Amino acid sequence: MTDQAADESVFAEWAILELLGHRRLAGRVTEAQIAGASFLRIDVPSEPPATQFYAPGAVYAITPTTEEIARAVARRYAPAPVQRYELGPLVPADREADAPWNGGGPL
């Protein structure tokens, strides 16, 4: 296989990524290997920038597009950072042993 043929087999494109569960992201999509498994990596040019990895089975569609279009779509469908309700109550260090994730008290 020539170097050109090897380069063409690696996916690295600006694209719109549609995921099962009706989620849409846009950015630079590439292939990634993590712990011996194949994933899709999407670098979303949002503010702040975000990088996420998805197993191929979670993908409904990949639509290659121009950088300009991908950036426009990324502004509309940017991933949200962690929300306060996802964090739960903060536990003081002296009560860490009583925290639900350490076997103390209910979740």
PDB file of N, CA and C in Angstrom:
ATOM      1  N   MET A   1       0.851  -1.178   0.000  1.00  0.00           N
ATOM      2  CA  MET A   1       0.000   0.000   0.000  1.00  0.00           C
ATOM      3  C   MET A   1       0.890   1.233   0.000  1.00  0.00           C
ATOM      4  N   THR A   2       0.558   2.203  -0.824  1.00  0.00           N
ATOM      5  CA  THR A   2       1.353   3.430  -0.885  1.00  0.00           C
ATOM      6  C   THR A   2       1.026   4.329   0.297  1.00  0.00           C
ATOM      7  N   ASP A   3       1.905   5.303   0.550  1.00  0.00           N
ATOM      8  CA  ASP A   3       1.645   6.248   1.630  1.00  0.00           C
ATOM      9  C   ASP A   3       0.360   7.028   1.376  1.00  0.00           C
ATOM     10  N   GLN A   4       0.109   7.377   0.115  1.00  0.00           N
ATOM     11  CA  GLN A   4      -1.101   8.122  -0.224  1.00  0.00           C
ATOM     12  C   GLN A   4      -2.341   7.290   0.083  1.00  0.00           C
ATOM     13  N   ALA A   5      -2.327   6.008  -0.244  1.00  0.00           N
ATOM     14  CA  ALA A   5      -3.469   5.137   0.030  1.00  0.00           C
ATOM     15  C   ALA A   5      -3.676   4.990   1.531  1.00  0.00           C
ATOM     16  N   ALA A   6      -2.594   4.892   2.298  1.00  0.00           N
ATOM     17  CA  ALA A   6      -2.704   4.787   3.750  1.00  0.00           C
ATOM     18  C   ALA A   6      -3.298   6.065   4.329  1.00  0.00           C
ATOM     19  N   ASP A   7      -2.881   7.228   3.821  1.00  0.00           N
ATOM     20  CA  ASP A   7      -3.406   8.501   4.306  1.00  0.00           C
ATOM     21  C   ASP A   7      -4.896   8.645   4.012  1.00  0.00           C
ATOM     22  N   GLU A   8      -5.334   8.145   2.862  1.00  0.00           N
ATOM     23  CA  GLU A   8      -6.730   8.278   2.476  1.00  0.00           C
ATOM     24  C   GLU A   8      -7.646   7.394   3.325  1.00  0.00           C
ATOM     25  N   SER A   9      -7.129   6.342   3.949  1.00  0.00           N
ATOM     26  CA  SER A   9      -7.968   5.447   4.736  1.00  0.00           C
ATOM     27  C   SER A   9      -8.230   5.989   6.138  1.00  0.00           C
ATOM     28  N   VAL A  10      -7.511   7.001   6.570  1.00  0.00           N
ATOM     29  CA  VAL A  10      -7.718   7.598   7.886  1.00  0.00           C
ATOM     30  C   VAL A  10      -8.721   8.733   7.749  1.00  0.00           C
ATOM     31  N   PHE A  11      -9.803   8.660   8.523  1.00  0.00           N
ATOM     32  CA  PHE A  11     -10.840   9.684   8.441  1.00  0.00           C
ATOM     33  C   PHE A  11     -10.438  10.879   9.286  1.00  0.00           C
ATOM     34  N   ALA A  12     -10.379  12.040   8.690  1.00  0.00           N
ATOM     35  CA  ALA A  12     -10.073  13.296   9.362  1.00  0.00           C
ATOM     36  C   ALA A  12     -10.745  14.400   8.556  1.00  0.00           C
ATOM     37  N   GLU A  13     -11.959  14.739   8.954  1.00  0.00           N
ATOM     38  CA  GLU A  13     -12.772  15.680   8.181  1.00  0.00           C
ATOM     39  C   GLU A  13     -13.558  16.608   9.092  1.00  0.00           C
ATOM     40  N   TRP A  14     -13.896  17.778   8.582  1.00  0.00           N
ATOM     41  CA  TRP A  14     -14.897  18.629   9.214  1.00  0.00           C
ATOM     42  C   TRP A  14     -16.220  17.961   8.900  1.00  0.00           C
ATOM     43  N   ALA A  15     -17.050  17.762   9.922  1.00  0.00           N
ATOM     44  CA  ALA A  15     -18.283  17.012   9.699  1.00  0.00           C
ATOM     45  C   ALA A  15     -19.337  17.354  10.740  1.00  0.00           C
ATOM     46  N   ILE A  16     -20.566  16.976  10.407  1.00  0.00           N
ATOM     47  CA  ILE A  16     -21.672  17.009  11.350  1.00  0.00           C
ATOM     48  C   ILE A  16     -21.876  15.571  11.793  1.00  0.00           C
ATOM     49  N   LEU A  17     -21.829  15.349  13.096  1.00  0.00           N
ATOM     50  CA  LEU A  17     -21.937  14.018  13.674  1.00  0.00           C
ATOM     51  C   LEU A  17     -23.308  13.901  14.325  1.00  0.00           C
ATOM     52  N   GLU A  18     -24.101  12.946  13.865  1.00  0.00           N
ATOM     53  CA  GLU A  18     -25.426  12.724  14.446  1.00  0.00           C
ATOM     54  C   GLU A  18     -25.368  11.432  15.235  1.00  0.00           C
ATOM     55  N   LEU A  19     -25.806  11.521  16.488  1.00  0.00           N
ATOM     56  CA  LEU A  19     -25.722  10.390  17.397  1.00  0.00           C
ATOM     57  C   LEU A  19     -27.110   9.850  17.705  1.00  0.00           C
ATOM     58  N   LEU A  20     -27.162   8.550  18.002  1.00  0.00           N
ATOM     59  CA  LEU A  20     -28.428   7.974  18.441  1.00  0.00           C
ATOM     60  C   LEU A  20     -28.859   8.735  19.685  1.00  0.00           C
ATOM     61  N   GLY A  21     -30.117   8.965  19.845  1.00  0.00           N
ATOM     62  CA  GLY A  21     -30.586   9.796  20.940  1.00  0.00           C
ATOM     63  C   GLY A  21     -30.780  11.226  20.491  1.00  0.00           C
ATOM     64  N   HIS A  22     -30.708  11.464  19.195  1.00  0.00           N
ATOM     65  CA  HIS A  22     -31.016  12.765  18.587  1.00  0.00           C
ATOM     66  C   HIS A  22     -30.069  13.879  19.024  1.00  0.00           C
ATOM     67  N   ARG A  23     -28.818  13.562  19.208  1.00  0.00           N
ATOM     68  CA  ARG A  23     -27.826  14.575  19.539  1.00  0.00           C
ATOM     69  C   ARG A  23     -27.018  14.884  18.285  1.00  0.00           C
ATOM     70  N   ARG A  24     -26.740  16.150  18.053  1.00  0.00           N
ATOM     71  CA  ARG A  24     -25.990  16.569  16.874  1.00  0.00           C
ATOM     72  C   ARG A  24     -24.825  17.434  17.328  1.00  0.00           C
ATOM     73  N   LEU A  25     -23.637  17.133  16.802  1.00  0.00           N
ATOM     74  CA  LEU A  25     -22.433  17.916  17.075  1.00  0.00           C
ATOM     75  C   LEU A  25     -21.751  18.194  15.747  1.00  0.00           C
ATOM     76  N   ALA A  26     -20.920  19.218  15.720  1.00  0.00           N
ATOM     77  CA  ALA A  26     -20.165  19.521  14.507  1.00  0.00           C
ATOM     78  C   ALA A  26     -18.764  19.934  14.903  1.00  0.00           C
ATOM     79  N   GLY A  27     -17.809  19.560  14.076  1.00  0.00           N
ATOM     80  CA  GLY A  27     -16.418  19.909  14.327  1.00  0.00           C
ATOM     81  C   GLY A  27     -15.504  19.048  13.486  1.00  0.00           C
ATOM     82  N   ARG A  28     -14.276  18.941  13.915  1.00  0.00           N
ATOM     83  CA  ARG A  28     -13.278  18.125  13.225  1.00  0.00           C
ATOM     84  C   ARG A  28     -13.385  16.705  13.766  1.00  0.00           C
ATOM     85  N   VAL A  29     -13.731  15.757  12.901  1.00  0.00           N
ATOM     86  CA  VAL A  29     -13.925  14.365  13.311  1.00  0.00           C
ATOM     87  C   VAL A  29     -12.746  13.540  12.821  1.00  0.00           C
ATOM     88  N   THR A  30     -12.148  12.782  13.741  1.00  0.00           N
ATOM     89  CA  THR A  30     -11.027  11.900  13.416  1.00  0.00           C
ATOM     90  C   THR A  30     -11.228  10.560  14.120  1.00  0.00           C
ATOM     91  N   GLU A  31     -10.394   9.614  13.740  1.00  0.00           N
ATOM     92  CA  GLU A  31     -10.415   8.307  14.384  1.00  0.00           C
ATOM     93  C   GLU A  31      -9.440   8.323  15.552  1.00  0.00           C
ATOM     94  N   ALA A  32      -9.779   7.545  16.604  1.00  0.00           N
ATOM     95  CA  ALA A  32      -8.893   7.450  17.760  1.00  0.00           C
ATOM     96  C   ALA A  32      -8.925   6.031  18.310  1.00  0.00           C
ATOM     97  N   GLN A  33      -7.803   5.590  18.826  1.00  0.00           N
ATOM     98  CA  GLN A  33      -7.712   4.297  19.495  1.00  0.00           C
ATOM     99  C   GLN A  33      -7.558   4.548  20.990  1.00  0.00           C
ATOM    100  N   ILE A  34      -8.440   3.976  21.788  1.00  0.00           N
ATOM    101  CA  ILE A  34      -8.357   4.096  23.238  1.00  0.00           C
ATOM    102  C   ILE A  34      -8.477   2.693  23.822  1.00  0.00           C
ATOM    103  N   ALA A  35      -7.484   2.290  24.567  1.00  0.00           N
ATOM    104  CA  ALA A  35      -7.465   0.966  25.199  1.00  0.00           C
ATOM    105  C   ALA A  35      -7.728  -0.146  24.180  1.00  0.00           C
ATOM    106  N   GLY A  36      -7.177   0.006  23.000  1.00  0.00           N
ATOM    107  CA  GLY A  36      -7.299  -1.005  21.964  1.00  0.00           C
ATOM    108  C   GLY A  36      -8.619  -1.000  21.206  1.00  0.00           C
ATOM    109  N   ALA A  37      -9.492  -0.045  21.489  1.00  0.00           N
ATOM    110  CA  ALA A  37     -10.780   0.031  20.809  1.00  0.00           C
ATOM    111  C   ALA A  37     -10.837   1.285  19.937  1.00  0.00           C
ATOM    112  N   SER A  38     -11.622   1.210  18.870  1.00  0.00           N
ATOM    113  CA  SER A  38     -11.768   2.341  17.959  1.00  0.00           C
ATOM    114  C   SER A  38     -12.882   3.270  18.425  1.00  0.00           C
ATOM    115  N   PHE A  39     -12.603   4.549  18.388  1.00  0.00           N
ATOM    116  CA  PHE A  39     -13.576   5.584  18.733  1.00  0.00           C
ATOM    117  C   PHE A  39     -13.521   6.681  17.680  1.00  0.00           C
ATOM    118  N   LEU A  40     -14.561   7.482  17.640  1.00  0.00           N
ATOM    119  CA  LEU A  40     -14.533   8.714  16.856  1.00  0.00           C
ATOM    120  C   LEU A  40     -14.249   9.843  17.819  1.00  0.00           C
ATOM    121  N   ARG A  41     -13.347  10.708  17.438  1.00  0.00           N
ATOM    122  CA  ARG A  41     -13.024  11.887  18.236  1.00  0.00           C
ATOM    123  C   ARG A  41     -13.592  13.089  17.498  1.00  0.00           C
ATOM    124  N   ILE A  42     -14.309  13.936  18.219  1.00  0.00           N
ATOM    125  CA  ILE A  42     -14.798  15.173  17.627  1.00  0.00           C
ATOM    126  C   ILE A  42     -14.271  16.333  18.456  1.00  0.00           C
ATOM    127  N   ASP A  43     -13.608  17.234  17.776  1.00  0.00           N
ATOM    128  CA  ASP A  43     -13.125  18.469  18.380  1.00  0.00           C
ATOM    129  C   ASP A  43     -14.093  19.560  17.957  1.00  0.00           C
ATOM    130  N   VAL A  44     -14.903  20.012  18.897  1.00  0.00           N
ATOM    131  CA  VAL A  44     -15.950  20.992  18.629  1.00  0.00           C
ATOM    132  C   VAL A  44     -15.388  22.391  18.859  1.00  0.00           C
ATOM    133  N   PRO A  45     -15.417  23.236  17.842  1.00  0.00           N
ATOM    134  CA  PRO A  45     -14.878  24.593  17.989  1.00  0.00           C
ATOM    135  C   PRO A  45     -15.889  25.524  18.654  1.00  0.00           C
ATOM    136  N   SER A  46     -16.242  25.198  19.899  1.00  0.00           N
ATOM    137  CA  SER A  46     -17.202  26.003  20.647  1.00  0.00           C
ATOM    138  C   SER A  46     -16.447  26.855  21.659  1.00  0.00           C
ATOM    139  N   GLU A  47     -17.165  27.588  22.450  1.00  0.00           N
ATOM    140  CA  GLU A  47     -16.532  28.399  23.492  1.00  0.00           C
ATOM    141  C   GLU A  47     -17.059  27.973  24.840  1.00  0.00           C
ATOM    142  N   PRO A  48     -16.335  27.247  25.657  1.00  0.00           N
ATOM    143  CA  PRO A  48     -14.967  26.819  25.415  1.00  0.00           C
ATOM    144  C   PRO A  48     -14.935  25.628  24.447  1.00  0.00           C
ATOM    145  N   PRO A  49     -13.784  25.392  23.816  1.00  0.00           N
ATOM    146  CA  PRO A  49     -13.662  24.245  22.908  1.00  0.00           C
ATOM    147  C   PRO A  49     -13.905  22.940  23.666  1.00  0.00           C
ATOM    148  N   ALA A  50     -14.419  21.942  22.972  1.00  0.00           N
ATOM    149  CA  ALA A  50     -14.712  20.663  23.613  1.00  0.00           C
ATOM    150  C   ALA A  50     -14.221  19.529  22.729  1.00  0.00           C
ATOM    151  N   THR A  51     -13.713  18.492  23.367  1.00  0.00           N
ATOM    152  CA  THR A  51     -13.338  17.264  22.676  1.00  0.00           C
ATOM    153  C   THR A  51     -14.114  16.130  23.312  1.00  0.00           C
ATOM    154  N   GLN A  52     -14.759  15.313  22.482  1.00  0.00           N
ATOM    155  CA  GLN A  52     -15.502  14.163  22.979  1.00  0.00           C
ATOM    156  C   GLN A  52     -15.178  12.951  22.117  1.00  0.00           C
ATOM    157  N   PHE A  53     -15.311  11.764  22.717  1.00  0.00           N
ATOM    158  CA  PHE A  53     -15.052  10.509  22.032  1.00  0.00           C
ATOM    159  C   PHE A  53     -16.330   9.680  22.029  1.00  0.00           C
ATOM    160  N   TYR A  54     -16.627   9.046  20.895  1.00  0.00           N
ATOM    161  CA  TYR A  54     -17.827   8.223  20.774  1.00  0.00           C
ATOM    162  C   TYR A  54     -17.475   6.888  20.143  1.00  0.00           C
ATOM    163  N   ALA A  55     -18.096   5.830  20.650  1.00  0.00           N
ATOM    164  CA  ALA A  55     -17.978   4.519  20.022  1.00  0.00           C
ATOM    165  C   ALA A  55     -18.744   4.567  18.702  1.00  0.00           C
ATOM    166  N   PRO A  56     -18.247   3.899  17.673  1.00  0.00           N
ATOM    167  CA  PRO A  56     -18.924   3.945  16.375  1.00  0.00           C
ATOM    168  C   PRO A  56     -20.388   3.511  16.428  1.00  0.00           C
ATOM    169  N   GLY A  57     -20.741   2.616  17.343  1.00  0.00           N
ATOM    170  CA  GLY A  57     -22.123   2.157  17.450  1.00  0.00           C
ATOM    171  C   GLY A  57     -23.098   3.232  17.894  1.00  0.00           C
ATOM    172  N   ALA A  58     -22.587   4.329  18.450  1.00  0.00           N
ATOM    173  CA  ALA A  58     -23.445   5.425  18.903  1.00  0.00           C
ATOM    174  C   ALA A  58     -23.752   6.412  17.780  1.00  0.00           C
ATOM    175  N   VAL A  59     -23.129   6.209  16.632  1.00  0.00           N
ATOM    176  CA  VAL A  59     -23.252   7.170  15.539  1.00  0.00           C
ATOM    177  C   VAL A  59     -24.363   6.752  14.582  1.00  0.00           C
ATOM    178  N   TYR A  60     -25.249   7.702  14.302  1.00  0.00           N
ATOM    179  CA  TYR A  60     -26.321   7.485  13.333  1.00  0.00           C
ATOM    180  C   TYR A  60     -25.870   7.912  11.945  1.00  0.00           C
ATOM    181  N   ALA A  61     -25.150   9.053  11.877  1.00  0.00           N
ATOM    182  CA  ALA A  61     -24.707   9.557  10.580  1.00  0.00           C
ATOM    183  C   ALA A  61     -23.517  10.491  10.755  1.00  0.00           C
ATOM    184  N   ILE A  62     -22.662  10.517   9.743  1.00  0.00           N
ATOM    185  CA  ILE A  62     -21.560  11.473   9.648  1.00  0.00           C
ATOM    186  C   ILE A  62     -21.715  12.166   8.303  1.00  0.00           C
ATOM    187  N   THR A  63     -21.813  13.490   8.345  1.00  0.00           N
ATOM    188  CA  THR A  63     -21.960  14.257   7.118  1.00  0.00           C
ATOM    189  C   THR A  63     -20.744  15.152   6.947  1.00  0.00           C
ATOM    190  N   PRO A  64     -19.791  14.765   6.089  1.00  0.00           N
ATOM    191  CA  PRO A  64     -18.644  15.642   5.847  1.00  0.00           C
ATOM    192  C   PRO A  64     -19.126  16.975   5.274  1.00  0.00           C
ATOM    193  N   THR A  65     -18.491  18.047   5.694  1.00  0.00           N
ATOM    194  CA  THR A  65     -18.893  19.377   5.257  1.00  0.00           C
ATOM    195  C   THR A  65     -17.678  20.292   5.279  1.00  0.00           C
ATOM    196  N   THR A  66     -17.908  21.546   5.005  1.00  0.00           N
ATOM    197  CA  THR A  66     -16.806  22.509   5.032  1.00  0.00           C
ATOM    198  C   THR A  66     -16.553  22.966   6.464  1.00  0.00           C
ATOM    199  N   GLU A  67     -15.380  23.503   6.696  1.00  0.00           N
ATOM    200  CA  GLU A  67     -15.055  24.039   8.016  1.00  0.00           C
ATOM    201  C   GLU A  67     -16.035  25.147   8.397  1.00  0.00           C
ATOM    202  N   GLU A  68     -16.358  26.005   7.450  1.00  0.00           N
ATOM    203  CA  GLU A  68     -17.267  27.122   7.718  1.00  0.00           C
ATOM    204  C   GLU A  68     -18.636  26.633   8.190  1.00  0.00           C
ATOM    205  N   ILE A  69     -19.178  25.642   7.512  1.00  0.00           N
ATOM    206  CA  ILE A  69     -20.489  25.104   7.898  1.00  0.00           C
ATOM    207  C   ILE A  69     -20.390  24.390   9.244  1.00  0.00           C
ATOM    208  N   ALA A  70     -19.343  23.607   9.438  1.00  0.00           N
ATOM    209  CA  ALA A  70     -19.173  22.893  10.716  1.00  0.00           C
ATOM    210  C   ALA A  70     -19.095  23.870  11.882  1.00  0.00           C
ATOM    211  N   ARG A  71     -18.366  24.968  11.714  1.00  0.00           N
ATOM    212  CA  ARG A  71     -18.267  25.967  12.786  1.00  0.00           C
ATOM    213  C   ARG A  71     -19.620  26.614  13.071  1.00  0.00           C
ATOM    214  N   ALA A  72     -20.399  26.876  12.039  1.00  0.00           N
ATOM    215  CA  ALA A  72     -21.724  27.471  12.228  1.00  0.00           C
ATOM    216  C   ALA A  72     -22.649  26.510  12.978  1.00  0.00           C
ATOM    217  N   VAL A  73     -22.624  25.242  12.597  1.00  0.00           N
ATOM    218  CA  VAL A  73     -23.449  24.237  13.276  1.00  0.00           C
ATOM    219  C   VAL A  73     -22.964  24.043  14.713  1.00  0.00           C
ATOM    220  N   ALA A  74     -21.654  24.072  14.930  1.00  0.00           N
ATOM    221  CA  ALA A  74     -21.086  23.897  16.272  1.00  0.00           C
ATOM    222  C   ALA A  74     -21.565  24.983  17.225  1.00  0.00           C
ATOM    223  N   ARG A  75     -21.717  26.199  16.724  1.00  0.00           N
ATOM    224  CA  ARG A  75     -22.214  27.283  17.585  1.00  0.00           C
ATOM    225  C   ARG A  75     -23.634  26.992  18.059  1.00  0.00           C
ATOM    226  N   ARG A  76     -24.405  26.372  17.207  1.00  0.00           N
ATOM    227  CA  ARG A  76     -25.809  26.085  17.553  1.00  0.00           C
ATOM    228  C   ARG A  76     -25.948  24.862  18.460  1.00  0.00           C
ATOM    229  N   TYR A  77     -25.100  23.851  18.264  1.00  0.00           N
ATOM    230  CA  TYR A  77     -25.226  22.591  18.994  1.00  0.00           C
ATOM    231  C   TYR A  77     -24.014  22.301  19.880  1.00  0.00           C
ATOM    232  N   ALA A  78     -23.413  23.326  20.459  1.00  0.00           N
ATOM    233  CA  ALA A  78     -22.220  23.134  21.285  1.00  0.00           C
ATOM    234  C   ALA A  78     -22.548  22.301  22.523  1.00  0.00           C
ATOM    235  N   PRO A  79     -21.637  21.390  22.904  1.00  0.00           N
ATOM    236  CA  PRO A  79     -21.869  20.614  24.122  1.00  0.00           C
ATOM    237  C   PRO A  79     -21.870  21.531  25.338  1.00  0.00           C
ATOM    238  N   ALA A  80     -22.784  21.281  26.258  1.00  0.00           N
ATOM    239  CA  ALA A  80     -22.858  22.090  27.478  1.00  0.00           C
ATOM    240  C   ALA A  80     -21.870  21.552  28.500  1.00  0.00           C
ATOM    241  N   PRO A  81     -21.253  22.427  29.276  1.00  0.00           N
ATOM    242  CA  PRO A  81     -20.376  21.948  30.343  1.00  0.00           C
ATOM    243  C   PRO A  81     -21.215  21.266  31.423  1.00  0.00           C
ATOM    244  N   VAL A  82     -20.564  20.708  32.396  1.00  0.00           N
ATOM    245  CA  VAL A  82     -21.264  20.048  33.492  1.00  0.00           C
ATOM    246  C   VAL A  82     -22.207  21.043  34.152  1.00  0.00           C
ATOM    247  N   GLN A  83     -23.415  20.617  34.407  1.00  0.00           N
ATOM    248  CA  GLN A  83     -24.406  21.461  35.064  1.00  0.00           C
ATOM    249  C   GLN A  83     -24.343  21.268  36.582  1.00  0.00           C
ATOM    250  N   ARG A  84     -24.708  22.273  37.330  1.00  0.00           N
ATOM    251  CA  ARG A  84     -24.654  22.226  38.793  1.00  0.00           C
ATOM    252  C   ARG A  84     -25.444  21.038  39.341  1.00  0.00           C
ATOM    253  N   TYR A  85     -26.623  20.756  38.771  1.00  0.00           N
ATOM    254  CA  TYR A  85     -27.440  19.662  39.296  1.00  0.00           C
ATOM    255  C   TYR A  85     -26.761  18.299  39.136  1.00  0.00           C
ATOM    256  N   GLU A  86     -25.787  18.175  38.245  1.00  0.00           N
ATOM    257  CA  GLU A  86     -25.081  16.913  38.047  1.00  0.00           C
ATOM    258  C   GLU A  86     -24.022  16.662  39.114  1.00  0.00           C
ATOM    259  N   LEU A  87     -23.621  17.699  39.809  1.00  0.00           N
ATOM    260  CA  LEU A  87     -22.529  17.577  40.769  1.00  0.00           C
ATOM    261  C   LEU A  87     -22.976  17.084  42.136  1.00  0.00           C
ATOM    262  N   GLY A  88     -24.213  17.319  42.536  1.00  0.00           N
ATOM    263  CA  GLY A  88     -24.673  16.939  43.859  1.00  0.00           C
ATOM    264  C   GLY A  88     -24.106  17.880  44.899  1.00  0.00           C
ATOM    265  N   PRO A  89     -24.465  17.655  46.157  1.00  0.00           N
ATOM    266  CA  PRO A  89     -23.971  18.544  47.220  1.00  0.00           C
ATOM    267  C   PRO A  89     -22.481  18.323  47.466  1.00  0.00           C
ATOM    268  N   LEU A  90     -21.793  19.399  47.778  1.00  0.00           N
ATOM    269  CA  LEU A  90     -20.384  19.299  48.127  1.00  0.00           C
ATOM    270  C   LEU A  90     -20.269  18.843  49.575  1.00  0.00           C
ATOM    271  N   VAL A  91     -19.335  17.934  49.843  1.00  0.00           N
ATOM    272  CA  VAL A  91     -19.151  17.384  51.184  1.00  0.00           C
ATOM    273  C   VAL A  91     -17.832  17.906  51.743  1.00  0.00           C
ATOM    274  N   PRO A  92     -17.856  18.514  52.941  1.00  0.00           N
ATOM    275  CA  PRO A  92     -16.594  18.960  53.546  1.00  0.00           C
ATOM    276  C   PRO A  92     -15.626  17.789  53.716  1.00  0.00           C
ATOM    277  N   ALA A  93     -14.336  18.056  53.632  1.00  0.00           N
ATOM    278  CA  ALA A  93     -13.308  17.008  53.704  1.00  0.00           C
ATOM    279  C   ALA A  93     -13.429  16.170  54.969  1.00  0.00           C
ATOM    280  N   ASP A  94     -13.808  16.791  56.105  1.00  0.00           N
ATOM    281  CA  ASP A  94     -13.897  16.038  57.362  1.00  0.00           C
ATOM    282  C   ASP A  94     -15.109  15.101  57.394  1.00  0.00           C
ATOM    283  N   ARG A  95     -16.021  15.210  56.425  1.00  0.00           N
ATOM    284  CA  ARG A  95     -17.189  14.323  56.356  1.00  0.00           C
ATOM    285  C   ARG A  95     -17.117  13.401  55.145  1.00  0.00           C
ATOM    286  N   GLU A  96     -15.977  13.353  54.464  1.00  0.00           N
ATOM    287  CA  GLU A  96     -15.811  12.532  53.255  1.00  0.00           C
ATOM    288  C   GLU A  96     -16.151  11.066  53.519  1.00  0.00           C
ATOM    289  N   ALA A  97     -15.766  10.530  54.665  1.00  0.00           N
ATOM    290  CA  ALA A  97     -16.026   9.119  54.970  1.00  0.00           C
ATOM    291  C   ALA A  97     -17.524   8.823  55.060  1.00  0.00           C
ATOM    292  N   ASP A  98     -18.334   9.831  55.384  1.00  0.00           N
ATOM    293  CA  ASP A  98     -19.787   9.652  55.491  1.00  0.00           C
ATOM    294  C   ASP A  98     -20.508   9.868  54.164  1.00  0.00           C
ATOM    295  N   ALA A  99     -19.765  10.228  53.115  1.00  0.00           N
ATOM    296  CA  ALA A  99     -20.386  10.525  51.819  1.00  0.00           C
ATOM    297  C   ALA A  99     -20.983   9.260  51.205  1.00  0.00           C
ATOM    298  N   PRO A 100     -22.087   9.394  50.458  1.00  0.00           N
ATOM    299  CA  PRO A 100     -22.754   8.234  49.862  1.00  0.00           C
ATOM    300  C   PRO A 100     -21.829   7.393  48.985  1.00  0.00           C
ATOM    301  N   TRP A 101     -20.917   8.000  48.246  1.00  0.00           N
ATOM    302  CA  TRP A 101     -20.039   7.241  47.357  1.00  0.00           C
ATOM    303  C   TRP A 101     -18.966   6.477  48.127  1.00  0.00           C
ATOM    304  N   ASN A 102     -18.835   6.741  49.437  1.00  0.00           N
ATOM    305  CA  ASN A 102     -17.895   5.982  50.277  1.00  0.00           C
ATOM    306  C   ASN A 102     -18.628   5.003  51.178  1.00  0.00           C
ATOM    307  N   GLY A 103     -19.898   4.706  50.879  1.00  0.00           N
ATOM    308  CA  GLY A 103     -20.655   3.729  51.647  1.00  0.00           C
ATOM    309  C   GLY A 103     -21.451   4.329  52.783  1.00  0.00           C
ATOM    310  N   GLY A 104     -21.364   5.610  53.015  1.00  0.00           N
ATOM    311  CA  GLY A 104     -22.125   6.232  54.090  1.00  0.00           C
ATOM    312  C   GLY A 104     -23.356   6.921  53.571  1.00  0.00           C
ATOM    313  N   GLY A 105     -24.486   6.690  54.174  1.00  0.00           N
ATOM    314  CA  GLY A 105     -25.719   7.393  53.842  1.00  0.00           C
ATOM    315  C   GLY A 105     -26.271   7.055  52.470  1.00  0.00           C
ATOM    316  N   PRO A 106     -27.533   7.436  52.235  1.00  0.00           N
ATOM    317  CA  PRO A 106     -28.166   7.154  50.937  1.00  0.00           C
ATOM    318  C   PRO A 106     -27.686   8.108  49.859  1.00  0.00           C
ATOM    319  N   LEU A 107     -27.825   7.677  48.622  1.00  0.00           N
ATOM    320  CA  LEU A 107     -27.493   8.547  47.493  1.00  0.00           C
ATOM    321  C   LEU A 107     -28.600   9.515  47.386  1.00  0.00           C
TER     322      LEU A 107
END
